[in-house]
Amino acid sequence: PQGGPLSPLLANVMLDDLDRYLESKHYRFARYADDFVISVKSFI
């Protein structure tokens, strides 16, 4: 539930696997909670 003091930390715990996956691929990205962007050099 959004609104509790514990929720933001739990959200980051849940998405830590995503961060590790993107890092293992050496992708350039930035994440803020559930908003994230991966920077690339071409559309393909």
ModelCIF file with pLDDT and N, C-alpha, C, O atoms, coordinates in Angstrom:
data_MODEL
#
_entry.id   MODEL 
#
_entity.id                         1 
_entity.type                       polymer 
_entity.pdbx_number_of_molecules   1 
#
_entity_poly.entity_id                      1 
_entity_poly.type                           'polypeptide(L)' 
_entity_poly.nstd_linkage                   no 
_entity_poly.nstd_monomer                   no 
_entity_poly.pdbx_seq_one_letter_code       PQGGPLSPLLANVMLDDLDRYLESKHYRFARYADDFVISVKSFI 
_entity_poly.pdbx_seq_one_letter_code_can   PQGGPLSPLLANVMLDDLDRYLESKHYRFARYADDFVISVKSFI 
_entity_poly.pdbx_strand_id                 A 
#
loop_
_entity_poly_seq.entity_id 
_entity_poly_seq.num 
_entity_poly_seq.mon_id 
_entity_poly_seq.hetero 
1 1  PRO n 
1 2  GLN n 
1 3  GLY n 
1 4  GLY n 
1 5  PRO n 
1 6  LEU n 
1 7  SER n 
1 8  PRO n 
1 9  LEU n 
1 10 LEU n 
1 11 ALA n 
1 12 ASN n 
1 13 VAL n 
1 14 MET n 
1 15 LEU n 
1 16 ASP n 
1 17 ASP n 
1 18 LEU n 
1 19 ASP n 
1 20 ARG n 
1 21 TYR n 
1 22 LEU n 
1 23 GLU n 
1 24 SER n 
1 25 LYS n 
1 26 HIS n 
1 27 TYR n 
1 28 ARG n 
1 29 PHE n 
1 30 ALA n 
1 31 ARG n 
1 32 TYR n 
1 33 ALA n 
1 34 ASP n 
1 35 ASP n 
1 36 PHE n 
1 37 VAL n 
1 38 ILE n 
1 39 SER n 
1 40 VAL n 
1 41 LYS n 
1 42 SER n 
1 43 PHE n 
1 44 ILE n 
#
_struct_asym.id          A 
_struct_asym.entity_id   1 
#
loop_
_ma_qa_metric.id 
_ma_qa_metric.mode 
_ma_qa_metric.name 
_ma_qa_metric.software_group_id 
_ma_qa_metric.type 
1 global pLDDT . pLDDT 
2 local  pLDDT . pLDDT 
#
_ma_qa_metric_global.metric_id      1 
_ma_qa_metric_global.metric_value   96.55 
_ma_qa_metric_global.model_id       1 
_ma_qa_metric_global.ordinal_id     1 
#
loop_
_ma_qa_metric_local.label_asym_id 
_ma_qa_metric_local.label_comp_id 
_ma_qa_metric_local.label_seq_id 
_ma_qa_metric_local.metric_id 
_ma_qa_metric_local.metric_value 
_ma_qa_metric_local.model_id 
_ma_qa_metric_local.ordinal_id 
A PRO 1  2 87.00 1 1  
A GLN 2  2 89.00 1 2  
A GLY 3  2 89.00 1 3  
A GLY 4  2 93.00 1 4  
A PRO 5  2 96.00 1 5  
A LEU 6  2 97.00 1 6  
A SER 7  2 96.00 1 7  
A PRO 8  2 96.00 1 8  
A LEU 9  2 97.00 1 9  
A LEU 10 2 97.00 1 10 
A ALA 11 2 97.00 1 11 
A ASN 12 2 97.00 1 12 
A VAL 13 2 98.00 1 13 
A MET 14 2 97.00 1 14 
A LEU 15 2 98.00 1 15 
A ASP 16 2 98.00 1 16 
A ASP 17 2 97.00 1 17 
A LEU 18 2 98.00 1 18 
A ASP 19 2 98.00 1 19 
A ARG 20 2 98.00 1 20 
A TYR 21 2 98.00 1 21 
A LEU 22 2 98.00 1 22 
A GLU 23 2 98.00 1 23 
A SER 24 2 98.00 1 24 
A LYS 25 2 97.00 1 25 
A HIS 26 2 97.00 1 26 
A TYR 27 2 97.00 1 27 
A ARG 28 2 98.00 1 28 
A PHE 29 2 98.00 1 29 
A ALA 30 2 98.00 1 30 
A ARG 31 2 98.00 1 31 
A TYR 32 2 97.00 1 32 
A ALA 33 2 95.00 1 33 
A ASP 34 2 95.00 1 34 
A ASP 35 2 96.00 1 35 
A PHE 36 2 97.00 1 36 
A VAL 37 2 98.00 1 37 
A ILE 38 2 98.00 1 38 
A SER 39 2 98.00 1 39 
A VAL 40 2 98.00 1 40 
A LYS 41 2 97.00 1 41 
A SER 42 2 97.00 1 42 
A PHE 43 2 97.00 1 43 
A ILE 44 2 97.00 1 44 
#
loop_
_atom_site.group_PDB 
_atom_site.id 
_atom_site.type_symbol 
_atom_site.label_atom_id 
_atom_site.label_alt_id 
_atom_site.label_comp_id 
_atom_site.label_asym_id 
_atom_site.label_entity_id 
_atom_site.label_seq_id 
_atom_site.pdbx_PDB_ins_code 
_atom_site.Cartn_x 
_atom_site.Cartn_y 
_atom_site.Cartn_z 
_atom_site.occupancy 
_atom_site.B_iso_or_equiv 
_atom_site.pdbx_formal_charge 
_atom_site.auth_seq_id 
_atom_site.auth_comp_id 
_atom_site.auth_asym_id 
_atom_site.auth_atom_id 
_atom_site.pdbx_PDB_model_num 
ATOM 1   N N  . PRO A 1 1  ? 0.816  -1.221 0.000   1.00 87.00 ? 1  PRO A N  1 
ATOM 2   C CA . PRO A 1 1  ? 0.000  0.000  0.000   1.00 87.00 ? 1  PRO A CA 1 
ATOM 3   C C  . PRO A 1 1  ? 0.845  1.264  0.000   1.00 87.00 ? 1  PRO A C  1 
ATOM 4   O O  . PRO A 1 1  ? 1.737  1.421  0.834   1.00 87.00 ? 1  PRO A O  1 
ATOM 5   N N  . GLN A 1 2  ? 0.566  2.165  -0.933  1.00 89.00 ? 2  GLN A N  1 
ATOM 6   C CA . GLN A 1 2  ? 1.224  3.463  -0.935  1.00 89.00 ? 2  GLN A CA 1 
ATOM 7   C C  . GLN A 1 2  ? 0.661  4.300  0.209   1.00 89.00 ? 2  GLN A C  1 
ATOM 8   O O  . GLN A 1 2  ? -0.554 4.459  0.326   1.00 89.00 ? 2  GLN A O  1 
ATOM 9   N N  . GLY A 1 3  ? 1.521  4.821  1.029   1.00 89.00 ? 3  GLY A N  1 
ATOM 10  C CA . GLY A 1 3  ? 1.070  5.644  2.143   1.00 89.00 ? 3  GLY A CA 1 
ATOM 11  C C  . GLY A 1 3  ? 1.716  5.283  3.460   1.00 89.00 ? 3  GLY A C  1 
ATOM 12  O O  . GLY A 1 3  ? 1.684  6.075  4.402   1.00 89.00 ? 3  GLY A O  1 
ATOM 13  N N  . GLY A 1 4  ? 2.304  4.096  3.545   1.00 93.00 ? 4  GLY A N  1 
ATOM 14  C CA . GLY A 1 4  ? 2.973  3.691  4.773   1.00 93.00 ? 4  GLY A CA 1 
ATOM 15  C C  . GLY A 1 4  ? 4.467  3.954  4.721   1.00 93.00 ? 4  GLY A C  1 
ATOM 16  O O  . GLY A 1 4  ? 5.055  3.897  3.641   1.00 93.00 ? 4  GLY A O  1 
ATOM 17  N N  . PRO A 1 5  ? 5.108  4.244  5.860   1.00 96.00 ? 5  PRO A N  1 
ATOM 18  C CA . PRO A 1 5  ? 6.550  4.534  5.881   1.00 96.00 ? 5  PRO A CA 1 
ATOM 19  C C  . PRO A 1 5  ? 7.424  3.386  5.409   1.00 96.00 ? 5  PRO A C  1 
ATOM 20  O O  . PRO A 1 5  ? 8.543  3.611  4.948   1.00 96.00 ? 5  PRO A O  1 
ATOM 21  N N  . LEU A 1 6  ? 6.929  2.158  5.517   1.00 97.00 ? 6  LEU A N  1 
ATOM 22  C CA . LEU A 1 6  ? 7.725  0.989  5.147   1.00 97.00 ? 6  LEU A CA 1 
ATOM 23  C C  . LEU A 1 6  ? 7.662  0.684  3.649   1.00 97.00 ? 6  LEU A C  1 
ATOM 24  O O  . LEU A 1 6  ? 8.559  0.039  3.107   1.00 97.00 ? 6  LEU A O  1 
ATOM 25  N N  . SER A 1 7  ? 6.612  1.143  2.986   1.00 96.00 ? 7  SER A N  1 
ATOM 26  C CA . SER A 1 7  ? 6.367  0.772  1.587   1.00 96.00 ? 7  SER A CA 1 
ATOM 27  C C  . SER A 1 7  ? 7.493  1.168  0.625   1.00 96.00 ? 7  SER A C  1 
ATOM 28  O O  . SER A 1 7  ? 7.865  0.352  -0.218  1.00 96.00 ? 7  SER A O  1 
ATOM 29  N N  . PRO A 1 8  ? 8.054  2.387  0.711   1.00 96.00 ? 8  PRO A N  1 
ATOM 30  C CA . PRO A 1 8  ? 9.126  2.742  -0.224  1.00 96.00 ? 8  PRO A CA 1 
ATOM 31  C C  . PRO A 1 8  ? 10.331 1.813  -0.139  1.00 96.00 ? 8  PRO A C  1 
ATOM 32  O O  . PRO A 1 8  ? 10.909 1.453  -1.164  1.00 96.00 ? 8  PRO A O  1 
ATOM 33  N N  . LEU A 1 9  ? 10.712 1.423  1.070   1.00 97.00 ? 9  LEU A N  1 
ATOM 34  C CA . LEU A 1 9  ? 11.853 0.515  1.225   1.00 97.00 ? 9  LEU A CA 1 
ATOM 35  C C  . LEU A 1 9  ? 11.528 -0.849 0.627   1.00 97.00 ? 9  LEU A C  1 
ATOM 36  O O  . LEU A 1 9  ? 12.368 -1.450 -0.042  1.00 97.00 ? 9  LEU A O  1 
ATOM 37  N N  . LEU A 1 10 ? 10.318 -1.338 0.862   1.00 97.00 ? 10 LEU A N  1 
ATOM 38  C CA . LEU A 1 10 ? 9.922  -2.631 0.292   1.00 97.00 ? 10 LEU A CA 1 
ATOM 39  C C  . LEU A 1 10 ? 9.878  -2.570 -1.227  1.00 97.00 ? 10 LEU A C  1 
ATOM 40  O O  . LEU A 1 10 ? 10.219 -3.547 -1.893  1.00 97.00 ? 10 LEU A O  1 
ATOM 41  N N  . ALA A 1 11 ? 9.462  -1.437 -1.784  1.00 97.00 ? 11 ALA A N  1 
ATOM 42  C CA . ALA A 1 11 ? 9.449  -1.275 -3.242  1.00 97.00 ? 11 ALA A CA 1 
ATOM 43  C C  . ALA A 1 11 ? 10.854 -1.378 -3.811  1.00 97.00 ? 11 ALA A C  1 
ATOM 44  O O  . ALA A 1 11 ? 11.070 -2.022 -4.838  1.00 97.00 ? 11 ALA A O  1 
ATOM 45  N N  . ASN A 1 12 ? 11.814 -0.740 -3.140  1.00 97.00 ? 12 ASN A N  1 
ATOM 46  C CA . ASN A 1 12 ? 13.201 -0.822 -3.599  1.00 97.00 ? 12 ASN A CA 1 
ATOM 47  C C  . ASN A 1 12 ? 13.756 -2.236 -3.470  1.00 97.00 ? 12 ASN A C  1 
ATOM 48  O O  . ASN A 1 12 ? 14.535 -2.679 -4.314  1.00 97.00 ? 12 ASN A O  1 
ATOM 49  N N  . VAL A 1 13 ? 13.357 -2.944 -2.418  1.00 98.00 ? 13 VAL A N  1 
ATOM 50  C CA . VAL A 1 13 ? 13.782 -4.339 -2.262  1.00 98.00 ? 13 VAL A CA 1 
ATOM 51  C C  . VAL A 1 13 ? 13.272 -5.173 -3.428  1.00 98.00 ? 13 VAL A C  1 
ATOM 52  O O  . VAL A 1 13 ? 14.005 -5.986 -3.991  1.00 98.00 ? 13 VAL A O  1 
ATOM 53  N N  . MET A 1 14 ? 12.000 -4.962 -3.786  1.00 97.00 ? 14 MET A N  1 
ATOM 54  C CA . MET A 1 14 ? 11.395 -5.743 -4.872  1.00 97.00 ? 14 MET A CA 1 
ATOM 55  C C  . MET A 1 14 ? 12.074 -5.477 -6.203  1.00 97.00 ? 14 MET A C  1 
ATOM 56  O O  . MET A 1 14 ? 12.234 -6.388 -7.015  1.00 97.00 ? 14 MET A O  1 
ATOM 57  N N  . LEU A 1 15 ? 12.474 -4.227 -6.431  1.00 98.00 ? 15 LEU A N  1 
ATOM 58  C CA . LEU A 1 15 ? 13.058 -3.866 -7.728  1.00 98.00 ? 15 LEU A CA 1 
ATOM 59  C C  . LEU A 1 15 ? 14.579 -3.955 -7.746  1.00 98.00 ? 15 LEU A C  1 
ATOM 60  O O  . LEU A 1 15 ? 15.209 -3.634 -8.754  1.00 98.00 ? 15 LEU A O  1 
ATOM 61  N N  . ASP A 1 16 ? 15.166 -4.386 -6.641  1.00 98.00 ? 16 ASP A N  1 
ATOM 62  C CA . ASP A 1 16 ? 16.625 -4.529 -6.621  1.00 98.00 ? 16 ASP A CA 1 
ATOM 63  C C  . ASP A 1 16 ? 17.086 -5.585 -7.620  1.00 98.00 ? 16 ASP A C  1 
ATOM 64  O O  . ASP A 1 16 ? 18.159 -5.455 -8.209  1.00 98.00 ? 16 ASP A O  1 
ATOM 65  N N  . ASP A 1 17 ? 16.288 -6.621 -7.811  1.00 97.00 ? 17 ASP A N  1 
ATOM 66  C CA . ASP A 1 17 ? 16.640 -7.648 -8.807  1.00 97.00 ? 17 ASP A CA 1 
ATOM 67  C C  . ASP A 1 17 ? 16.702 -7.051 -10.209 1.00 97.00 ? 17 ASP A C  1 
ATOM 68  O O  . ASP A 1 17 ? 17.567 -7.409 -11.009 1.00 97.00 ? 17 ASP A O  1 
ATOM 69  N N  . LEU A 1 18 ? 15.779 -6.140 -10.497 1.00 98.00 ? 18 LEU A N  1 
ATOM 70  C CA . LEU A 1 18 ? 15.794 -5.465 -11.800 1.00 98.00 ? 18 LEU A CA 1 
ATOM 71  C C  . LEU A 1 18 ? 17.083 -4.669 -11.968 1.00 98.00 ? 18 LEU A C  1 
ATOM 72  O O  . LEU A 1 18 ? 17.722 -4.716 -13.019 1.00 98.00 ? 18 LEU A O  1 
ATOM 73  N N  . ASP A 1 19 ? 17.455 -3.939 -10.919 1.00 98.00 ? 19 ASP A N  1 
ATOM 74  C CA . ASP A 1 19 ? 18.696 -3.154 -10.979 1.00 98.00 ? 19 ASP A CA 1 
ATOM 75  C C  . ASP A 1 19 ? 19.896 -4.055 -11.245 1.00 98.00 ? 19 ASP A C  1 
ATOM 76  O O  . ASP A 1 19 ? 20.748 -3.736 -12.075 1.00 98.00 ? 19 ASP A O  1 
ATOM 77  N N  . ARG A 1 20 ? 19.957 -5.172 -10.545 1.00 98.00 ? 20 ARG A N  1 
ATOM 78  C CA . ARG A 1 20 ? 21.095 -6.088 -10.704 1.00 98.00 ? 20 ARG A CA 1 
ATOM 79  C C  . ARG A 1 20 ? 21.117 -6.697 -12.109 1.00 98.00 ? 20 ARG A C  1 
ATOM 80  O O  . ARG A 1 20 ? 22.183 -6.890 -12.692 1.00 98.00 ? 20 ARG A O  1 
ATOM 81  N N  . TYR A 1 21 ? 19.944 -6.992 -12.638 1.00 98.00 ? 21 TYR A N  1 
ATOM 82  C CA . TYR A 1 21 ? 19.871 -7.537 -13.985 1.00 98.00 ? 21 TYR A CA 1 
ATOM 83  C C  . TYR A 1 21 ? 20.408 -6.528 -14.998 1.00 98.00 ? 21 TYR A C  1 
ATOM 84  O O  . TYR A 1 21 ? 21.217 -6.875 -15.859 1.00 98.00 ? 21 TYR A O  1 
ATOM 85  N N  . LEU A 1 22 ? 19.956 -5.280 -14.893 1.00 98.00 ? 22 LEU A N  1 
ATOM 86  C CA . LEU A 1 22 ? 20.392 -4.245 -15.829 1.00 98.00 ? 22 LEU A CA 1 
ATOM 87  C C  . LEU A 1 22 ? 21.895 -3.982 -15.698 1.00 98.00 ? 22 LEU A C  1 
ATOM 88  O O  . LEU A 1 22 ? 22.580 -3.739 -16.691 1.00 98.00 ? 22 LEU A O  1 
ATOM 89  N N  . GLU A 1 23 ? 22.396 -4.034 -14.459 1.00 98.00 ? 23 GLU A N  1 
ATOM 90  C CA . GLU A 1 23 ? 23.835 -3.848 -14.253 1.00 98.00 ? 23 GLU A CA 1 
ATOM 91  C C  . GLU A 1 23 ? 24.632 -5.003 -14.855 1.00 98.00 ? 23 GLU A C  1 
ATOM 92  O O  . GLU A 1 23 ? 25.707 -4.792 -15.417 1.00 98.00 ? 23 GLU A O  1 
ATOM 93  N N  . SER A 1 24 ? 24.110 -6.218 -14.738 1.00 98.00 ? 24 SER A N  1 
ATOM 94  C CA . SER A 1 24 ? 24.822 -7.377 -15.283 1.00 98.00 ? 24 SER A CA 1 
ATOM 95  C C  . SER A 1 24 ? 24.935 -7.296 -16.801 1.00 98.00 ? 24 SER A C  1 
ATOM 96  O O  . SER A 1 24 ? 25.845 -7.875 -17.394 1.00 98.00 ? 24 SER A O  1 
ATOM 97  N N  . LYS A 1 25 ? 24.000 -6.570 -17.428 1.00 97.00 ? 25 LYS A N  1 
ATOM 98  C CA . LYS A 1 25 ? 24.025 -6.381 -18.874 1.00 97.00 ? 25 LYS A CA 1 
ATOM 99  C C  . LYS A 1 25 ? 24.823 -5.137 -19.273 1.00 97.00 ? 25 LYS A C  1 
ATOM 100 O O  . LYS A 1 25 ? 24.990 -4.840 -20.455 1.00 97.00 ? 25 LYS A O  1 
ATOM 101 N N  . HIS A 1 26 ? 25.316 -4.413 -18.247 1.00 97.00 ? 26 HIS A N  1 
ATOM 102 C CA . HIS A 1 26 ? 26.092 -3.185 -18.468 1.00 97.00 ? 26 HIS A CA 1 
ATOM 103 C C  . HIS A 1 26 ? 25.272 -2.107 -19.195 1.00 97.00 ? 26 HIS A C  1 
ATOM 104 O O  . HIS A 1 26 ? 25.800 -1.343 -20.002 1.00 97.00 ? 26 HIS A O  1 
ATOM 105 N N  . TYR A 1 27 ? 23.967 -2.070 -18.885 1.00 97.00 ? 27 TYR A N  1 
ATOM 106 C CA . TYR A 1 27 ? 23.113 -1.043 -19.466 1.00 97.00 ? 27 TYR A CA 1 
ATOM 107 C C  . TYR A 1 27 ? 23.197 0.237  -18.639 1.00 97.00 ? 27 TYR A C  1 
ATOM 108 O O  . TYR A 1 27 ? 23.403 0.202  -17.426 1.00 97.00 ? 27 TYR A O  1 
ATOM 109 N N  . ARG A 1 28 ? 23.037 1.346  -19.312 1.00 98.00 ? 28 ARG A N  1 
ATOM 110 C CA . ARG A 1 28 ? 23.014 2.641  -18.617 1.00 98.00 ? 28 ARG A CA 1 
ATOM 111 C C  . ARG A 1 28 ? 21.556 2.957  -18.262 1.00 98.00 ? 28 ARG A C  1 
ATOM 112 O O  . ARG A 1 28 ? 20.707 3.046  -19.149 1.00 98.00 ? 28 ARG A O  1 
ATOM 113 N N  . PHE A 1 29 ? 21.266 3.127  -16.970 1.00 98.00 ? 29 PHE A N  1 
ATOM 114 C CA . PHE A 1 29 ? 19.884 3.367  -16.574 1.00 98.00 ? 29 PHE A CA 1 
ATOM 115 C C  . PHE A 1 29 ? 19.820 4.209  -15.306 1.00 98.00 ? 29 PHE A C  1 
ATOM 116 O O  . PHE A 1 29 ? 20.810 4.374  -14.594 1.00 98.00 ? 29 PHE A O  1 
ATOM 117 N N  . ALA A 1 30 ? 18.638 4.732  -15.048 1.00 98.00 ? 30 ALA A N  1 
ATOM 118 C CA . ALA A 1 30 ? 18.357 5.475  -13.817 1.00 98.00 ? 30 ALA A CA 1 
ATOM 119 C C  . ALA A 1 30 ? 16.959 5.074  -13.363 1.00 98.00 ? 30 ALA A C  1 
ATOM 120 O O  . ALA A 1 30 ? 16.022 5.039  -14.161 1.00 98.00 ? 30 ALA A O  1 
ATOM 121 N N  . ARG A 1 31 ? 16.829 4.774  -12.081 1.00 98.00 ? 31 ARG A N  1 
ATOM 122 C CA . ARG A 1 31 ? 15.524 4.379  -11.545 1.00 98.00 ? 31 ARG A CA 1 
ATOM 123 C C  . ARG A 1 31 ? 15.166 5.221  -10.337 1.00 98.00 ? 31 ARG A C  1 
ATOM 124 O O  . ARG A 1 31 ? 15.994 5.469  -9.461  1.00 98.00 ? 31 ARG A O  1 
ATOM 125 N N  . TYR A 1 32 ? 13.922 5.652  -10.308 1.00 97.00 ? 32 TYR A N  1 
ATOM 126 C CA . TYR A 1 32 ? 13.358 6.323  -9.130  1.00 97.00 ? 32 TYR A CA 1 
ATOM 127 C C  . TYR A 1 32 ? 12.049 5.612  -8.810  1.00 97.00 ? 32 TYR A C  1 
ATOM 128 O O  . TYR A 1 32 ? 11.053 5.790  -9.511  1.00 97.00 ? 32 TYR A O  1 
ATOM 129 N N  . ALA A 1 33 ? 12.053 4.799  -7.741  1.00 95.00 ? 33 ALA A N  1 
ATOM 130 C CA . ALA A 1 33 ? 10.903 3.964  -7.393  1.00 95.00 ? 33 ALA A CA 1 
ATOM 131 C C  . ALA A 1 33 ? 10.561 3.078  -8.592  1.00 95.00 ? 33 ALA A C  1 
ATOM 132 O O  . ALA A 1 33 ? 11.416 2.330  -9.066  1.00 95.00 ? 33 ALA A O  1 
ATOM 133 N N  . ASP A 1 34 ? 9.317  3.152  -9.092  1.00 95.00 ? 34 ASP A N  1 
ATOM 134 C CA . ASP A 1 34 ? 8.942  2.294  -10.217 1.00 95.00 ? 34 ASP A CA 1 
ATOM 135 C C  . ASP A 1 34 ? 9.093  2.986  -11.566 1.00 95.00 ? 34 ASP A C  1 
ATOM 136 O O  . ASP A 1 34 ? 8.687  2.439  -12.591 1.00 95.00 ? 34 ASP A O  1 
ATOM 137 N N  . ASP A 1 35 ? 9.670  4.177  -11.574 1.00 96.00 ? 35 ASP A N  1 
ATOM 138 C CA . ASP A 1 35 ? 9.958  4.882  -12.833 1.00 96.00 ? 35 ASP A CA 1 
ATOM 139 C C  . ASP A 1 35 ? 11.424 4.666  -13.197 1.00 96.00 ? 35 ASP A C  1 
ATOM 140 O O  . ASP A 1 35 ? 12.311 5.025  -12.423 1.00 96.00 ? 35 ASP A O  1 
ATOM 141 N N  . PHE A 1 36 ? 11.683 4.090  -14.352 1.00 97.00 ? 36 PHE A N  1 
ATOM 142 C CA . PHE A 1 36 ? 13.075 3.906  -14.758 1.00 97.00 ? 36 PHE A CA 1 
ATOM 143 C C  . PHE A 1 36 ? 13.224 4.082  -16.263 1.00 97.00 ? 36 PHE A C  1 
ATOM 144 O O  . PHE A 1 36 ? 12.307 3.818  -17.041 1.00 97.00 ? 36 PHE A O  1 
ATOM 145 N N  . VAL A 1 37 ? 14.414 4.537  -16.643 1.00 98.00 ? 37 VAL A N  1 
ATOM 146 C CA . VAL A 1 37 ? 14.740 4.805  -18.034 1.00 98.00 ? 37 VAL A CA 1 
ATOM 147 C C  . VAL A 1 37 ? 16.090 4.158  -18.342 1.00 98.00 ? 37 VAL A C  1 
ATOM 148 O O  . VAL A 1 37 ? 17.040 4.281  -17.568 1.00 98.00 ? 37 VAL A O  1 
ATOM 149 N N  . ILE A 1 38 ? 16.163 3.467  -19.482 1.00 98.00 ? 38 ILE A N  1 
ATOM 150 C CA . ILE A 1 38 ? 17.421 2.884  -19.945 1.00 98.00 ? 38 ILE A CA 1 
ATOM 151 C C  . ILE A 1 38 ? 17.885 3.702  -21.148 1.00 98.00 ? 38 ILE A C  1 
ATOM 152 O O  . ILE A 1 38 ? 17.155 3.835  -22.130 1.00 98.00 ? 38 ILE A O  1 
ATOM 153 N N  . SER A 1 39 ? 19.075 4.240  -21.074 1.00 98.00 ? 39 SER A N  1 
ATOM 154 C CA . SER A 1 39 ? 19.614 5.064  -22.159 1.00 98.00 ? 39 SER A CA 1 
ATOM 155 C C  . SER A 1 39 ? 20.336 4.183  -23.175 1.00 98.00 ? 39 SER A C  1 
ATOM 156 O O  . SER A 1 39 ? 21.166 3.351  -22.809 1.00 98.00 ? 39 SER A O  1 
ATOM 157 N N  . VAL A 1 40 ? 20.014 4.372  -24.446 1.00 98.00 ? 40 VAL A N  1 
ATOM 158 C CA . VAL A 1 40 ? 20.632 3.587  -25.521 1.00 98.00 ? 40 VAL A CA 1 
ATOM 159 C C  . VAL A 1 40 ? 21.033 4.524  -26.657 1.00 98.00 ? 40 VAL A C  1 
ATOM 160 O O  . VAL A 1 40 ? 20.678 5.702  -26.662 1.00 98.00 ? 40 VAL A O  1 
ATOM 161 N N  . LYS A 1 41 ? 21.779 3.981  -27.617 1.00 97.00 ? 41 LYS A N  1 
ATOM 162 C CA . LYS A 1 41 ? 22.297 4.834  -28.695 1.00 97.00 ? 41 LYS A CA 1 
ATOM 163 C C  . LYS A 1 41 ? 21.560 4.672  -30.017 1.00 97.00 ? 41 LYS A C  1 
ATOM 164 O O  . LYS A 1 41 ? 21.812 5.422  -30.961 1.00 97.00 ? 41 LYS A O  1 
ATOM 165 N N  . SER A 1 42 ? 20.647 3.695  -30.097 1.00 97.00 ? 42 SER A N  1 
ATOM 166 C CA . SER A 1 42 ? 19.888 3.538  -31.342 1.00 97.00 ? 42 SER A CA 1 
ATOM 167 C C  . SER A 1 42 ? 18.519 2.955  -31.041 1.00 97.00 ? 42 SER A C  1 
ATOM 168 O O  . SER A 1 42 ? 18.308 2.323  -30.006 1.00 97.00 ? 42 SER A O  1 
ATOM 169 N N  . PHE A 1 43 ? 17.600 3.177  -31.957 1.00 97.00 ? 43 PHE A N  1 
ATOM 170 C CA . PHE A 1 43 ? 16.242 2.662  -31.795 1.00 97.00 ? 43 PHE A CA 1 
ATOM 171 C C  . PHE A 1 43 ? 16.231 1.140  -31.809 1.00 97.00 ? 43 PHE A C  1 
ATOM 172 O O  . PHE A 1 43 ? 15.519 0.520  -31.019 1.00 97.00 ? 43 PHE A O  1 
ATOM 173 N N  . ILE A 1 44 ? 17.005 0.537  -32.690 1.00 97.00 ? 44 ILE A N  1 
ATOM 174 C CA . ILE A 1 44 ? 17.044 -0.927 -32.800 1.00 97.00 ? 44 ILE A CA 1 
ATOM 175 C C  . ILE A 1 44 ? 17.569 -1.546 -31.511 1.00 97.00 ? 44 ILE A C  1 
ATOM 176 O O  . ILE A 1 44 ? 17.675 -2.768 -31.410 1.00 97.00 ? 44 ILE A O  1 
#
